């Protein structure tokens, strides 16, 4: 099993694979979610990633469903000390306004704490940037939560390089909190949202990157190789861009690495992300314990330099 990694300069340590909670209360029912959470807790020091907006996109849902399931599991299992909890604010409107208005951050944090049944959120993200609210006001609002002991560290999600740099500069100049983690999309077929300026900022400022869509919505598992495969899940409609782009070449390179290592494509995709500079660990979700075990294999998979180069070159 891989060693723990530092979450940037936050003081937190975790396994270099984060469990995505977007499926809890959606494509994974409560009983299945509990089994998945029990399995991940066996490792200890594992981060569970969720958001207040999960899963408001589902008919009949209003947001908070994932946090509620996690909170019920924490209460029943008593395993709060085995996991780190990350959640987000900024996509679900509600009390206090929208996006990252200070009053919204305060109200959303209280609602998330209540649903999760915890007294502190380990990592609290700005789920998306907010051009309408001064960044100093956003950081000050997060700072109040940290000062009150309700949040340990803060992170940014879906931030472009210029806005991330601006936030860091403002924090330094005005003595405000710095973002300690970043969550942008990043995988073998979608690399532009992290590589380049964003990655350089993360490495320079010791910001831990915890990217989402490490498996490209499932494409990198090899599940969707032909048009007929799109009907295999609710995410099938997202596959066109991968199938028509560099996806087939990436899958061919992954197949070659799988033949050499005996590893699954999912484990290979995640191990590649783990090996990139600035990465603390990719986020991946599972709808069964069997799927989760497949993902966890990435923690023990060390790709050779030649294998990493082969995969990297296929995605260019």
C-alpha atoms as a PDB file:
ATOM      1  CA  UNK A   1       0.000   0.000   0.000  1.00  0.00           C
ATOM      2  CA  UNK A   2       1.327   3.441  -0.935  1.00  0.00           C
ATOM      3  CA  UNK A   3       2.562   5.856   1.695  1.00  0.00           C
ATOM      4  CA  UNK A   4       0.582   8.869   2.855  1.00  0.00           C
ATOM      5  CA  UNK A   5       1.099  12.153   1.027  1.00  0.00           C
ATOM      6  CA  UNK A   6       0.858  15.703   2.319  1.00  0.00           C
ATOM      7  CA  UNK A   7      -2.053  17.887   1.325  1.00  0.00           C
ATOM      8  CA  UNK A   8       0.167  20.753   0.264  1.00  0.00           C
ATOM      9  CA  UNK A   9       1.085  22.893   3.270  1.00  0.00           C
ATOM     10  CA  UNK A  10      -2.176  22.209   5.096  1.00  0.00           C
ATOM     11  CA  UNK A  11      -0.679  19.800   7.618  1.00  0.00           C
ATOM     12  CA  UNK A  12      -3.135  17.094   6.541  1.00  0.00           C
ATOM     13  CA  UNK A  13      -1.963  13.730   5.206  1.00  0.00           C
ATOM     14  CA  UNK A  14      -3.936  11.263   3.121  1.00  0.00           C
ATOM     15  CA  UNK A  15      -3.805   8.279   0.810  1.00  0.00           C
ATOM     16  CA  UNK A  16      -3.057   9.387  -2.770  1.00  0.00           C
ATOM     17  CA  UNK A  17      -6.510   8.350  -4.018  1.00  0.00           C
ATOM     18  CA  UNK A  18      -9.662  10.249  -3.077  1.00  0.00           C
ATOM     19  CA  UNK A  19     -13.090   8.608  -3.050  1.00  0.00           C
ATOM     20  CA  UNK A  20     -15.632  10.605  -5.038  1.00  0.00           C
ATOM     21  CA  UNK A  21     -18.974  10.919  -3.283  1.00  0.00           C
ATOM     22  CA  UNK A  22     -21.028  12.237  -6.186  1.00  0.00           C
ATOM     23  CA  UNK A  23     -22.663   8.819  -6.662  1.00  0.00           C
ATOM     24  CA  UNK A  24     -23.923   8.462  -3.079  1.00  0.00           C
ATOM     25  CA  UNK A  25     -27.694   8.758  -3.008  1.00  0.00           C
ATOM     26  CA  UNK A  26     -27.738   8.760  -6.804  1.00  0.00           C
ATOM     27  CA  UNK A  27     -26.326   5.767  -8.723  1.00  0.00           C
ATOM     28  CA  UNK A  28     -25.289   4.111  -5.448  1.00  0.00           C
ATOM     29  CA  UNK A  29     -28.163   3.632  -3.019  1.00  0.00           C
ATOM     30  CA  UNK A  30     -27.736   3.997   0.737  1.00  0.00           C
ATOM     31  CA  UNK A  31     -26.873   0.353   1.438  1.00  0.00           C
ATOM     32  CA  UNK A  32     -24.353   0.196  -1.406  1.00  0.00           C
ATOM     33  CA  UNK A  33     -22.853   3.532  -0.379  1.00  0.00           C
ATOM     34  CA  UNK A  34     -22.358   2.256   3.169  1.00  0.00           C
ATOM     35  CA  UNK A  35     -20.535  -0.842   1.883  1.00  0.00           C
ATOM     36  CA  UNK A  36     -18.254   1.302  -0.277  1.00  0.00           C
ATOM     37  CA  UNK A  37     -17.538   3.655   2.615  1.00  0.00           C
ATOM     38  CA  UNK A  38     -16.852   0.758   4.971  1.00  0.00           C
ATOM     39  CA  UNK A  39     -14.345  -0.650   2.488  1.00  0.00           C
ATOM     40  CA  UNK A  40     -12.487   2.625   1.959  1.00  0.00           C
ATOM     41  CA  UNK A  41     -12.361   3.266   5.706  1.00  0.00           C
ATOM     42  CA  UNK A  42     -10.379   0.040   6.129  1.00  0.00           C
ATOM     43  CA  UNK A  43      -7.390   1.836   4.632  1.00  0.00           C
ATOM     44  CA  UNK A  44      -7.517   4.764   7.046  1.00  0.00           C
ATOM     45  CA  UNK A  45      -6.443   8.337   6.216  1.00  0.00           C
ATOM     46  CA  UNK A  46      -8.633   8.366   3.114  1.00  0.00           C
ATOM     47  CA  UNK A  47     -10.357  11.509   1.868  1.00  0.00           C
ATOM     48  CA  UNK A  48     -14.014  11.379   0.843  1.00  0.00           C
ATOM     49  CA  UNK A  49     -14.944  14.135  -1.585  1.00  0.00           C
ATOM     50  CA  UNK A  50     -18.473  15.502  -1.837  1.00  0.00           C
ATOM     51  CA  UNK A  51     -20.325  18.806  -2.397  1.00  0.00           C
ATOM     52  CA  UNK A  52     -23.530  20.458  -1.303  1.00  0.00           C
ATOM     53  CA  UNK A  53     -24.810  20.398  -4.887  1.00  0.00           C
ATOM     54  CA  UNK A  54     -24.583  16.571  -5.140  1.00  0.00           C
ATOM     55  CA  UNK A  55     -27.005  15.443  -6.582  1.00  0.00           C
ATOM     56  CA  UNK A  56     -29.309  18.364  -7.418  1.00  0.00           C
ATOM     57  CA  UNK A  57     -29.291  17.398 -11.106  1.00  0.00           C
ATOM     58  CA  UNK A  58     -31.369  14.297 -10.422  1.00  0.00           C
ATOM     59  CA  UNK A  59     -35.139  14.762 -10.775  1.00  0.00           C
ATOM     60  CA  UNK A  60     -36.661  15.040  -7.312  1.00  0.00           C
ATOM     61  CA  UNK A  61     -33.343  15.882  -5.653  1.00  0.00           C
ATOM     62  CA  UNK A  62     -32.457  19.295  -4.258  1.00  0.00           C
ATOM     63  CA  UNK A  63     -28.798  18.907  -3.335  1.00  0.00           C
ATOM     64  CA  UNK A  64     -27.259  17.609  -0.154  1.00  0.00           C
ATOM     65  CA  UNK A  65     -28.130  13.982  -0.867  1.00  0.00           C
ATOM     66  CA  UNK A  66     -24.516  12.811  -0.940  1.00  0.00           C
ATOM     67  CA  UNK A  67     -23.580  14.665   2.252  1.00  0.00           C
ATOM     68  CA  UNK A  68     -26.622  13.197   3.975  1.00  0.00           C
ATOM     69  CA  UNK A  69     -25.649   9.621   3.079  1.00  0.00           C
ATOM     70  CA  UNK A  70     -22.075  10.210   4.244  1.00  0.00           C
ATOM     71  CA  UNK A  71     -23.361  11.752   7.474  1.00  0.00           C
ATOM     72  CA  UNK A  72     -25.617   8.783   8.159  1.00  0.00           C
ATOM     73  CA  UNK A  73     -22.712   6.422   7.534  1.00  0.00           C
ATOM     74  CA  UNK A  74     -20.425   8.382   9.854  1.00  0.00           C
ATOM     75  CA  UNK A  75     -23.034   8.262  12.609  1.00  0.00           C
ATOM     76  CA  UNK A  76     -23.709   4.547  12.199  1.00  0.00           C
ATOM     77  CA  UNK A  77     -20.104   3.434  11.688  1.00  0.00           C
ATOM     78  CA  UNK A  78     -18.322   5.682  14.156  1.00  0.00           C
ATOM     79  CA  UNK A  79     -15.410   5.893  11.715  1.00  0.00           C
ATOM     80  CA  UNK A  80     -14.924   9.653  11.559  1.00  0.00           C
ATOM     81  CA  UNK A  81     -11.315   9.210  12.676  1.00  0.00           C
ATOM     82  CA  UNK A  82     -10.612   6.959   9.680  1.00  0.00           C
ATOM     83  CA  UNK A  83     -11.487   9.492   6.974  1.00  0.00           C
ATOM     84  CA  UNK A  84     -10.998  13.083   5.895  1.00  0.00           C
ATOM     85  CA  UNK A  85     -14.053  14.932   4.626  1.00  0.00           C
ATOM     86  CA  UNK A  86     -13.942  17.401   1.737  1.00  0.00           C
ATOM     87  CA  UNK A  87     -17.004  19.276   0.528  1.00  0.00           C
ATOM     88  CA  UNK A  88     -17.738  22.357  -1.539  1.00  0.00           C
ATOM     89  CA  UNK A  89     -19.774  25.547  -1.804  1.00  0.00           C
ATOM     90  CA  UNK A  90     -20.549  27.651  -4.834  1.00  0.00           C
ATOM     91  CA  UNK A  91     -22.847  25.761  -7.187  1.00  0.00           C
ATOM     92  CA  UNK A  92     -25.970  25.333  -5.054  1.00  0.00           C
ATOM     93  CA  UNK A  93     -27.918  28.570  -4.496  1.00  0.00           C
ATOM     94  CA  UNK A  94     -29.655  28.969  -1.176  1.00  0.00           C
ATOM     95  CA  UNK A  95     -29.652  30.920   2.047  1.00  0.00           C
ATOM     96  CA  UNK A  96     -27.277  33.862   1.801  1.00  0.00           C
ATOM     97  CA  UNK A  97     -27.343  34.143  -1.981  1.00  0.00           C
ATOM     98  CA  UNK A  98     -25.453  32.400  -4.761  1.00  0.00           C
ATOM     99  CA  UNK A  99     -21.967  31.259  -5.671  1.00  0.00           C
ATOM    100  CA  UNK A 100     -19.342  32.590  -3.229  1.00  0.00           C
ATOM    101  CA  UNK A 101     -21.167  35.476  -1.583  1.00  0.00           C
ATOM    102  CA  UNK A 102     -19.842  35.606   2.008  1.00  0.00           C
ATOM    103  CA  UNK A 103     -23.304  35.074   3.483  1.00  0.00           C
ATOM    104  CA  UNK A 104     -23.787  32.073   1.207  1.00  0.00           C
ATOM    105  CA  UNK A 105     -20.464  30.545   2.284  1.00  0.00           C
ATOM    106  CA  UNK A 106     -21.427  30.904   5.943  1.00  0.00           C
ATOM    107  CA  UNK A 107     -24.904  29.439   5.503  1.00  0.00           C
ATOM    108  CA  UNK A 108     -23.779  26.638   3.195  1.00  0.00           C
ATOM    109  CA  UNK A 109     -21.052  25.587   5.614  1.00  0.00           C
ATOM    110  CA  UNK A 110     -23.549  25.273   8.455  1.00  0.00           C
ATOM    111  CA  UNK A 111     -25.877  23.226   6.260  1.00  0.00           C
ATOM    112  CA  UNK A 112     -23.053  20.912   5.163  1.00  0.00           C
ATOM    113  CA  UNK A 113     -21.844  20.433   8.742  1.00  0.00           C
ATOM    114  CA  UNK A 114     -25.376  19.510   9.785  1.00  0.00           C
ATOM    115  CA  UNK A 115     -25.907  17.023   6.957  1.00  0.00           C
ATOM    116  CA  UNK A 116     -22.513  15.435   7.533  1.00  0.00           C
ATOM    117  CA  UNK A 117     -22.998  15.377  11.292  1.00  0.00           C
ATOM    118  CA  UNK A 118     -19.443  16.621  11.914  1.00  0.00           C
ATOM    119  CA  UNK A 119     -18.067  19.614  13.761  1.00  0.00           C
ATOM    120  CA  UNK A 120     -15.331  20.337  11.222  1.00  0.00           C
ATOM    121  CA  UNK A 121     -14.850  20.010   7.467  1.00  0.00           C
ATOM    122  CA  UNK A 122     -11.272  18.977   6.709  1.00  0.00           C
ATOM    123  CA  UNK A 123     -11.121  20.606   3.267  1.00  0.00           C
ATOM    124  CA  UNK A 124     -13.715  23.150   2.108  1.00  0.00           C
ATOM    125  CA  UNK A 125     -13.634  24.140  -1.547  1.00  0.00           C
ATOM    126  CA  UNK A 126     -14.854  27.067  -3.548  1.00  0.00           C
ATOM    127  CA  UNK A 127     -16.611  24.818  -6.075  1.00  0.00           C
ATOM    128  CA  UNK A 128     -16.248  27.351  -8.869  1.00  0.00           C
ATOM    129  CA  UNK A 129     -14.854  30.830  -9.312  1.00  0.00           C
ATOM    130  CA  UNK A 130     -17.134  33.820  -8.743  1.00  0.00           C
ATOM    131  CA  UNK A 131     -16.390  36.954 -10.766  1.00  0.00           C
ATOM    132  CA  UNK A 132     -19.142  38.861  -8.954  1.00  0.00           C
ATOM    133  CA  UNK A 133     -17.597  38.656  -5.465  1.00  0.00           C
ATOM    134  CA  UNK A 134     -14.207  40.205  -4.637  1.00  0.00           C
ATOM    135  CA  UNK A 135     -11.694  37.476  -3.938  1.00  0.00           C
ATOM    136  CA  UNK A 136     -10.659  39.154  -0.689  1.00  0.00           C
ATOM    137  CA  UNK A 137     -14.253  38.871   0.551  1.00  0.00           C
ATOM    138  CA  UNK A 138     -14.369  35.187  -0.388  1.00  0.00           C
ATOM    139  CA  UNK A 139     -11.121  34.426   1.407  1.00  0.00           C
ATOM    140  CA  UNK A 140     -12.195  36.431   4.462  1.00  0.00           C
ATOM    141  CA  UNK A 141     -15.443  34.443   4.636  1.00  0.00           C
ATOM    142  CA  UNK A 142     -13.520  31.176   4.523  1.00  0.00           C
ATOM    143  CA  UNK A 143     -11.153  32.576   7.137  1.00  0.00           C
ATOM    144  CA  UNK A 144     -14.000  33.092   9.587  1.00  0.00           C
ATOM    145  CA  UNK A 145     -14.898  29.414   9.281  1.00  0.00           C
ATOM    146  CA  UNK A 146     -11.308  28.361   9.933  1.00  0.00           C
ATOM    147  CA  UNK A 147     -11.026  30.735  12.893  1.00  0.00           C
ATOM    148  CA  UNK A 148     -14.220  29.232  14.325  1.00  0.00           C
ATOM    149  CA  UNK A 149     -12.798  25.704  14.003  1.00  0.00           C
ATOM    150  CA  UNK A 150     -15.464  24.682  11.496  1.00  0.00           C
ATOM    151  CA  UNK A 151     -13.022  24.196   8.597  1.00  0.00           C
ATOM    152  CA  UNK A 152      -9.412  23.022   8.653  1.00  0.00           C
ATOM    153  CA  UNK A 153      -8.186  24.094   5.189  1.00  0.00           C
ATOM    154  CA  UNK A 154      -9.619  25.588   2.019  1.00  0.00           C
ATOM    155  CA  UNK A 155      -9.302  24.712  -1.637  1.00  0.00           C
ATOM    156  CA  UNK A 156     -10.273  26.021  -5.056  1.00  0.00           C
ATOM    157  CA  UNK A 157     -12.047  24.079  -7.785  1.00  0.00           C
ATOM    158  CA  UNK A 158     -12.461  24.890 -11.477  1.00  0.00           C
ATOM    159  CA  UNK A 159     -10.132  27.907 -11.273  1.00  0.00           C
ATOM    160  CA  UNK A 160      -8.132  29.180 -14.239  1.00  0.00           C
ATOM    161  CA  UNK A 161      -4.471  30.052 -13.701  1.00  0.00           C
ATOM    162  CA  UNK A 162      -4.963  33.826 -13.660  1.00  0.00           C
ATOM    163  CA  UNK A 163      -7.674  33.683 -11.017  1.00  0.00           C
ATOM    164  CA  UNK A 164      -5.789  31.199  -8.874  1.00  0.00           C
ATOM    165  CA  UNK A 165      -2.698  33.419  -8.991  1.00  0.00           C
ATOM    166  CA  UNK A 166      -4.817  36.471  -8.184  1.00  0.00           C
ATOM    167  CA  UNK A 167      -6.272  34.736  -5.136  1.00  0.00           C
ATOM    168  CA  UNK A 168      -2.807  33.756  -3.929  1.00  0.00           C
ATOM    169  CA  UNK A 169      -1.470  37.289  -4.428  1.00  0.00           C
ATOM    170  CA  UNK A 170      -4.418  38.851  -2.588  1.00  0.00           C
ATOM    171  CA  UNK A 171      -4.095  36.387   0.279  1.00  0.00           C
ATOM    172  CA  UNK A 172      -0.401  37.218   0.673  1.00  0.00           C
ATOM    173  CA  UNK A 173      -0.913  40.972   0.418  1.00  0.00           C
ATOM    174  CA  UNK A 174      -3.865  41.165   2.826  1.00  0.00           C
ATOM    175  CA  UNK A 175      -2.907  38.433   5.255  1.00  0.00           C
ATOM    176  CA  UNK A 176      -5.796  36.151   4.285  1.00  0.00           C
ATOM    177  CA  UNK A 177      -6.035  32.391   3.915  1.00  0.00           C
ATOM    178  CA  UNK A 178      -4.295  30.687   1.021  1.00  0.00           C
ATOM    179  CA  UNK A 179      -5.910  27.931  -0.976  1.00  0.00           C
ATOM    180  CA  UNK A 180      -4.091  24.713  -0.020  1.00  0.00           C
ATOM    181  CA  UNK A 181      -5.625  22.448  -2.642  1.00  0.00           C
ATOM    182  CA  UNK A 182      -6.933  22.607  -6.189  1.00  0.00           C
ATOM    183  CA  UNK A 183      -9.562  20.440  -7.840  1.00  0.00           C
ATOM    184  CA  UNK A 184      -9.659  20.785 -11.615  1.00  0.00           C
ATOM    185  CA  UNK A 185     -10.423  18.208 -14.285  1.00  0.00           C
ATOM    186  CA  UNK A 186      -7.383  16.157 -15.290  1.00  0.00           C
ATOM    187  CA  UNK A 187      -6.867  12.785 -16.912  1.00  0.00           C
ATOM    188  CA  UNK A 188      -5.065  11.151 -19.822  1.00  0.00           C
ATOM    189  CA  UNK A 189      -7.453  12.617 -22.402  1.00  0.00           C
ATOM    190  CA  UNK A 190      -8.223  15.999 -20.792  1.00  0.00           C
ATOM    191  CA  UNK A 191      -5.006  17.714 -19.765  1.00  0.00           C
ATOM    192  CA  UNK A 192      -5.310  21.411 -20.579  1.00  0.00           C
ATOM    193  CA  UNK A 193      -7.224  22.333 -17.413  1.00  0.00           C
ATOM    194  CA  UNK A 194      -4.222  21.449 -15.268  1.00  0.00           C
ATOM    195  CA  UNK A 195      -1.008  21.154 -17.255  1.00  0.00           C
ATOM    196  CA  UNK A 196       0.886  24.368 -17.928  1.00  0.00           C
ATOM    197  CA  UNK A 197       0.302  27.476 -15.839  1.00  0.00           C
ATOM    198  CA  UNK A 198      -2.043  25.882 -13.309  1.00  0.00           C
ATOM    199  CA  UNK A 199       0.325  23.002 -12.650  1.00  0.00           C
ATOM    200  CA  UNK A 200       3.265  25.395 -12.350  1.00  0.00           C
ATOM    201  CA  UNK A 201       1.389  27.438  -9.747  1.00  0.00           C
ATOM    202  CA  UNK A 202       0.538  24.330  -7.759  1.00  0.00           C
ATOM    203  CA  UNK A 203       4.116  23.090  -7.732  1.00  0.00           C
ATOM    204  CA  UNK A 204       5.594  26.518  -6.945  1.00  0.00           C
ATOM    205  CA  UNK A 205       3.165  27.308  -4.128  1.00  0.00           C
ATOM    206  CA  UNK A 206       2.867  23.763  -2.730  1.00  0.00           C
ATOM    207  CA  UNK A 207      -0.825  23.528  -3.562  1.00  0.00           C
ATOM    208  CA  UNK A 208      -2.023  19.930  -3.606  1.00  0.00           C
ATOM    209  CA  UNK A 209      -3.875  18.990  -6.771  1.00  0.00           C
ATOM    210  CA  UNK A 210      -6.747  16.545  -6.314  1.00  0.00           C
ATOM    211  CA  UNK A 211      -8.184  16.322  -9.837  1.00  0.00           C
ATOM    212  CA  UNK A 212     -11.628  15.040 -10.723  1.00  0.00           C
ATOM    213  CA  UNK A 213     -12.677  12.871 -13.684  1.00  0.00           C
ATOM    214  CA  UNK A 214      -9.477  10.831 -13.333  1.00  0.00           C
ATOM    215  CA  UNK A 215     -11.209   8.123 -15.368  1.00  0.00           C
ATOM    216  CA  UNK A 216     -12.795  10.572 -17.842  1.00  0.00           C
ATOM    217  CA  UNK A 217     -16.316   9.690 -16.716  1.00  0.00           C
ATOM    218  CA  UNK A 218     -15.489   6.020 -17.186  1.00  0.00           C
ATOM    219  CA  UNK A 219     -14.041   6.224 -20.679  1.00  0.00           C
ATOM    220  CA  UNK A 220     -10.580   5.262 -19.456  1.00  0.00           C
ATOM    221  CA  UNK A 221     -11.873   2.010 -17.976  1.00  0.00           C
ATOM    222  CA  UNK A 222     -12.249   0.747 -21.546  1.00  0.00           C
ATOM    223  CA  UNK A 223     -15.982   0.393 -21.086  1.00  0.00           C
ATOM    224  CA  UNK A 224     -16.865   2.647 -24.016  1.00  0.00           C
ATOM    225  CA  UNK A 225     -14.976   1.616 -27.134  1.00  0.00           C
ATOM    226  CA  UNK A 226     -17.778   1.826 -29.702  1.00  0.00           C
ATOM    227  CA  UNK A 227     -20.903   3.898 -30.204  1.00  0.00           C
ATOM    228  CA  UNK A 228     -23.114   1.042 -29.025  1.00  0.00           C
ATOM    229  CA  UNK A 229     -21.327   1.104 -25.661  1.00  0.00           C
ATOM    230  CA  UNK A 230     -22.718   4.519 -24.766  1.00  0.00           C
ATOM    231  CA  UNK A 231     -25.905   2.931 -23.500  1.00  0.00           C
ATOM    232  CA  UNK A 232     -24.044   1.104 -20.736  1.00  0.00           C
ATOM    233  CA  UNK A 233     -24.524   3.880 -18.165  1.00  0.00           C
ATOM    234  CA  UNK A 234     -26.007   7.316 -17.478  1.00  0.00           C
ATOM    235  CA  UNK A 235     -22.632   8.809 -18.408  1.00  0.00           C
ATOM    236  CA  UNK A 236     -22.555   7.293 -21.890  1.00  0.00           C
ATOM    237  CA  UNK A 237     -23.656  10.522 -23.522  1.00  0.00           C
ATOM    238  CA  UNK A 238     -20.366  12.154 -22.525  1.00  0.00           C
ATOM    239  CA  UNK A 239     -18.254   9.741 -24.573  1.00  0.00           C
ATOM    240  CA  UNK A 240     -18.512  11.292 -28.041  1.00  0.00           C
ATOM    241  CA  UNK A 241     -15.695  13.793 -27.474  1.00  0.00           C
ATOM    242  CA  UNK A 242     -13.354  11.043 -26.312  1.00  0.00           C
ATOM    243  CA  UNK A 243     -14.288   8.590 -29.056  1.00  0.00           C
ATOM    244  CA  UNK A 244     -13.852  11.193 -31.788  1.00  0.00           C
ATOM    245  CA  UNK A 245     -10.624  12.632 -30.375  1.00  0.00           C
ATOM    246  CA  UNK A 246      -7.441  11.127 -28.998  1.00  0.00           C
ATOM    247  CA  UNK A 247      -9.313   8.630 -26.819  1.00  0.00           C
ATOM    248  CA  UNK A 248      -8.788   5.547 -29.030  1.00  0.00           C
ATOM    249  CA  UNK A 249      -5.021   6.191 -29.189  1.00  0.00           C
ATOM    250  CA  UNK A 250      -4.880   6.545 -25.413  1.00  0.00           C
ATOM    251  CA  UNK A 251      -6.817   3.312 -24.918  1.00  0.00           C
ATOM    252  CA  UNK A 252      -4.428   1.519 -27.280  1.00  0.00           C
ATOM    253  CA  UNK A 253      -1.453   2.703 -25.203  1.00  0.00           C
ATOM    254  CA  UNK A 254      -3.238   1.677 -22.016  1.00  0.00           C
ATOM    255  CA  UNK A 255      -3.928  -1.758 -23.496  1.00  0.00           C
ATOM    256  CA  UNK A 256      -0.198  -2.140 -24.136  1.00  0.00           C
ATOM    257  CA  UNK A 257       0.631  -1.192 -20.535  1.00  0.00           C
ATOM    258  CA  UNK A 258      -2.071  -3.555 -19.266  1.00  0.00           C
ATOM    259  CA  UNK A 259      -0.493  -6.399 -21.234  1.00  0.00           C
ATOM    260  CA  UNK A 260       2.856  -5.662 -19.559  1.00  0.00           C
ATOM    261  CA  UNK A 261       1.592  -5.155 -16.004  1.00  0.00           C
ATOM    262  CA  UNK A 262      -1.590  -7.212 -15.748  1.00  0.00           C
ATOM    263  CA  UNK A 263      -3.283  -4.138 -14.258  1.00  0.00           C
ATOM    264  CA  UNK A 264      -6.757  -2.920 -15.172  1.00  0.00           C
ATOM    265  CA  UNK A 265      -7.179   0.154 -17.338  1.00  0.00           C
ATOM    266  CA  UNK A 266      -8.775   1.999 -14.414  1.00  0.00           C
ATOM    267  CA  UNK A 267      -5.747   1.373 -12.208  1.00  0.00           C
ATOM    268  CA  UNK A 268      -3.401   2.427 -15.015  1.00  0.00           C
ATOM    269  CA  UNK A 269      -5.280   5.674 -15.648  1.00  0.00           C
ATOM    270  CA  UNK A 270      -5.202   6.621 -11.970  1.00  0.00           C
ATOM    271  CA  UNK A 271      -1.572   5.575 -11.485  1.00  0.00           C
ATOM    272  CA  UNK A 272      -0.581   7.841 -14.386  1.00  0.00           C
ATOM    273  CA  UNK A 273      -2.299  10.823 -12.744  1.00  0.00           C
ATOM    274  CA  UNK A 274      -0.676  10.002  -9.387  1.00  0.00           C
ATOM    275  CA  UNK A 275       2.753  10.121 -11.041  1.00  0.00           C
ATOM    276  CA  UNK A 276       2.377  13.677 -12.368  1.00  0.00           C
ATOM    277  CA  UNK A 277       4.013  16.682 -10.621  1.00  0.00           C
ATOM    278  CA  UNK A 278       1.856  18.495  -8.103  1.00  0.00           C
ATOM    279  CA  UNK A 279      -0.679  15.683  -7.751  1.00  0.00           C
ATOM    280  CA  UNK A 280      -1.673  14.581  -4.254  1.00  0.00           C
ATOM    281  CA  UNK A 281      -4.209  12.098  -5.568  1.00  0.00           C
ATOM    282  CA  UNK A 282      -6.945  11.774  -8.205  1.00  0.00           C
ATOM    283  CA  UNK A 283     -10.617  11.552  -7.311  1.00  0.00           C
ATOM    284  CA  UNK A 284     -12.566   8.517  -8.497  1.00  0.00           C
ATOM    285  CA  UNK A 285     -16.001   7.197  -7.605  1.00  0.00           C
ATOM    286  CA  UNK A 286     -17.363   3.674  -7.464  1.00  0.00           C
ATOM    287  CA  UNK A 287     -20.861   2.231  -7.458  1.00  0.00           C
ATOM    288  CA  UNK A 288     -19.851  -1.120  -5.976  1.00  0.00           C
ATOM    289  CA  UNK A 289     -17.161  -2.549  -3.706  1.00  0.00           C
ATOM    290  CA  UNK A 290     -15.848  -4.513  -6.684  1.00  0.00           C
ATOM    291  CA  UNK A 291     -15.347  -1.310  -8.650  1.00  0.00           C
ATOM    292  CA  UNK A 292     -13.693   0.306  -5.652  1.00  0.00           C
ATOM    293  CA  UNK A 293     -11.241  -2.564  -5.269  1.00  0.00           C
ATOM    294  CA  UNK A 294     -10.294  -2.101  -8.914  1.00  0.00           C
ATOM    295  CA  UNK A 295      -9.559   1.581  -8.243  1.00  0.00           C
ATOM    296  CA  UNK A 296      -7.581   0.829  -5.095  1.00  0.00           C
ATOM    297  CA  UNK A 297      -5.202  -1.324  -7.131  1.00  0.00           C
ATOM    298  CA  UNK A 298      -3.743   1.944  -8.426  1.00  0.00           C
ATOM    299  CA  UNK A 299      -2.232   2.544  -4.992  1.00  0.00           C
ATOM    300  CA  UNK A 300       0.132  -0.385  -5.519  1.00  0.00           C
ATOM    301  CA  UNK A 301       0.839   0.143  -9.220  1.00  0.00           C
ATOM    302  CA  UNK A 302       4.152   1.795 -10.102  1.00  0.00           C
ATOM    303  CA  UNK A 303       4.465   2.550 -13.809  1.00  0.00           C
ATOM    304  CA  UNK A 304       7.918   2.578 -15.390  1.00  0.00           C
ATOM    305  CA  UNK A 305       9.273   5.746 -17.049  1.00  0.00           C
ATOM    306  CA  UNK A 306       8.768   4.124 -20.460  1.00  0.00           C
ATOM    307  CA  UNK A 307       5.162   3.261 -19.645  1.00  0.00           C
ATOM    308  CA  UNK A 308       4.485   6.790 -18.369  1.00  0.00           C
ATOM    309  CA  UNK A 309       6.000   8.247 -21.554  1.00  0.00           C
ATOM    310  CA  UNK A 310       3.955   5.939 -23.773  1.00  0.00           C
ATOM    311  CA  UNK A 311       0.741   6.993 -22.071  1.00  0.00           C
ATOM    312  CA  UNK A 312       1.681  10.650 -22.045  1.00  0.00           C
ATOM    313  CA  UNK A 313       2.592  10.718 -25.730  1.00  0.00           C
ATOM    314  CA  UNK A 314      -0.660   9.013 -26.744  1.00  0.00           C
ATOM    315  CA  UNK A 315      -2.662  11.855 -25.241  1.00  0.00           C
ATOM    316  CA  UNK A 316      -0.815  14.712 -26.954  1.00  0.00           C
END
